[in-house]
Amino acid sequence: MDKDLSILGLRTCIYLVNDIDVAKEWYAKAFEVEPYFEEPFYVGFDVGGFELGLQPQKESGQKIQSVRTYWGVEDIQVQYERLLKLGATIDEAPHSVGDPIMVASVMDPWGNFIGLIFNPLFKKQ
């Protein structure tokens, strides 16, 4: 197979929000990183070498959950509880999906799914 045509892996996960300025502040706290790119139409964060993007919603009140992205963590319980304290709501409490892999998820204040995964078997290359 031609290497130039192969899928390279996750690069960007975009969340739709109704107030990009408020969302920028929330995500900076939630992911403990400042944005590296800021425009009225898009805010980008570098999270462990992957892009977390924020875009304004086209319609207010619109809830989009078509994509489920899981962000790797070392301590899933600590990160899950930290996001809840920042105003996220419970979607799925931390649980095993096959020892030793654990997943959990929350909904951000704009209704976006944020998945967390502890997977010591997966090594980023």
Protein backbone atom coordinates (compact mmCIF):
# COMPACT_ATOMS: atom_id res chain seq x y z
CA MET A 1 0.00 0.00 0.00
CA ASP A 2 1.19 3.51 -0.84
CA LYS A 3 2.28 5.15 2.43
CA ASP A 4 1.08 8.57 1.22
CA LEU A 5 -2.48 7.23 1.03
CA SER A 6 -2.66 5.58 4.48
CA ILE A 7 -4.71 6.94 7.39
CA LEU A 8 -2.36 8.60 9.87
CA GLY A 9 -4.54 8.50 13.01
CA LEU A 10 -6.46 11.02 15.09
CA ARG A 11 -5.39 14.62 14.47
CA THR A 12 -8.34 16.86 15.37
CA CYS A 13 -11.51 16.62 17.43
CA ILE A 14 -13.90 19.58 17.05
CA TYR A 15 -16.60 20.52 19.54
CA LEU A 16 -19.46 22.86 18.62
CA VAL A 17 -20.26 25.54 21.22
CA ASN A 18 -22.71 28.42 21.43
CA ASP A 19 -20.27 30.88 23.10
CA ILE A 20 -16.73 30.38 21.84
CA ASP A 21 -15.19 32.80 24.37
CA VAL A 22 -16.76 31.08 27.38
CA ALA A 23 -15.96 27.67 25.88
CA LYS A 24 -12.33 28.69 25.31
CA GLU A 25 -11.97 29.50 29.02
CA TRP A 26 -13.74 26.29 30.09
CA TYR A 27 -11.63 24.05 27.85
CA ALA A 28 -8.41 25.78 28.90
CA LYS A 29 -9.26 24.84 32.50
CA ALA A 30 -10.62 21.38 31.66
CA PHE A 31 -7.61 20.31 29.59
CA GLU A 32 -5.10 22.48 31.47
CA VAL A 33 -3.68 24.04 28.30
CA GLU A 34 -3.98 27.43 26.62
CA PRO A 35 -5.10 27.71 22.99
CA TYR A 36 -2.39 28.05 20.36
CA PHE A 37 -4.78 29.36 17.69
CA GLU A 38 -7.65 31.83 18.25
CA GLU A 39 -10.06 33.32 15.73
CA PRO A 40 -13.79 34.16 16.04
CA PHE A 41 -14.56 31.09 13.89
CA TYR A 42 -12.18 28.59 15.56
CA VAL A 43 -10.07 28.04 18.68
CA GLY A 44 -7.42 25.31 18.64
CA PHE A 45 -5.63 23.59 21.54
CA ASP A 46 -2.68 21.21 21.32
CA VAL A 47 -3.53 18.36 23.70
CA GLY A 48 -0.73 15.83 23.80
CA GLY A 49 0.04 16.27 20.11
CA PHE A 50 -3.60 16.17 18.99
CA GLU A 51 -5.90 19.08 18.15
CA LEU A 52 -8.96 19.91 20.19
CA GLY A 53 -10.92 22.51 18.24
CA LEU A 54 -13.88 24.71 19.16
CA GLN A 55 -16.27 26.10 16.57
CA PRO A 56 -19.38 28.23 17.06
CA GLN A 57 -22.67 26.39 16.51
CA LYS A 58 -24.74 27.48 13.54
CA GLU A 59 -28.01 27.24 15.51
CA SER A 60 -28.40 27.91 19.21
CA GLY A 61 -29.62 25.03 21.33
CA GLN A 62 -28.41 22.47 18.81
CA LYS A 63 -27.09 19.31 20.49
CA ILE A 64 -24.61 17.29 18.44
CA GLN A 65 -23.36 13.88 19.53
CA SER A 66 -22.40 12.20 16.29
CA VAL A 67 -18.74 11.71 17.24
CA ARG A 68 -17.34 10.06 20.34
CA THR A 69 -13.75 10.96 21.05
CA TYR A 70 -11.85 9.50 23.98
CA TRP A 71 -8.89 11.41 25.43
CA GLY A 72 -6.18 9.36 27.11
CA VAL A 73 -5.58 9.85 30.84
CA GLU A 74 -3.37 8.27 33.48
CA ASP A 75 -5.88 8.52 36.37
CA ILE A 76 -9.41 8.28 35.03
CA GLN A 77 -11.21 8.84 38.36
CA VAL A 78 -9.27 12.03 39.13
CA GLN A 79 -9.82 13.53 35.66
CA TYR A 80 -13.52 12.50 35.60
CA GLU A 81 -14.17 14.18 38.96
CA ARG A 82 -12.17 17.29 37.94
CA LEU A 83 -14.31 17.79 34.82
CA LEU A 84 -17.50 17.40 36.87
CA LYS A 85 -16.26 20.08 39.30
CA LEU A 86 -15.71 22.41 36.32
CA GLY A 87 -19.38 22.08 35.32
CA ALA A 88 -19.48 19.02 33.07
CA THR A 89 -22.32 16.57 33.69
CA ILE A 90 -22.22 12.81 34.08
CA ASP A 91 -22.65 10.70 30.99
CA GLU A 92 -20.95 7.48 32.10
CA ALA A 93 -18.99 6.87 35.32
CA PRO A 94 -15.55 5.25 35.09
CA HIS A 95 -15.78 1.51 34.45
CA SER A 96 -13.82 -1.37 32.95
CA VAL A 97 -14.33 -2.33 29.32
CA GLY A 98 -11.85 -5.19 29.58
CA ASP A 99 -9.17 -5.28 32.22
CA PRO A 100 -7.07 -3.10 32.45
CA ILE A 101 -8.85 -0.64 30.10
CA MET A 102 -11.20 1.88 31.74
CA VAL A 103 -13.50 4.46 30.13
CA ALA A 104 -15.71 7.29 31.38
CA SER A 105 -17.53 10.19 29.77
CA VAL A 106 -19.05 13.56 30.59
CA MET A 107 -21.01 16.17 28.70
CA ASP A 108 -19.50 19.65 28.51
CA PRO A 109 -21.71 22.69 29.27
CA TRP A 110 -22.68 22.83 25.55
CA GLY A 111 -23.83 19.20 25.35
CA ASN A 112 -20.68 17.79 23.71
CA PHE A 113 -19.47 14.31 24.63
CA ILE A 114 -15.99 14.12 26.19
CA GLY A 115 -14.69 10.61 26.59
CA LEU A 116 -11.80 9.63 28.85
CA ILE A 117 -9.82 6.41 28.48
CA PHE A 118 -7.11 4.74 30.51
CA ASN A 119 -5.49 2.17 28.24
CA PRO A 120 -2.01 1.04 29.28
CA LEU A 121 -2.01 -1.48 26.40
CA PHE A 122 -2.05 1.26 23.70
CA LYS A 123 1.24 2.97 23.04
CA LYS A 124 1.25 6.09 20.82
CA GLN A 125 3.83 5.75 18.08
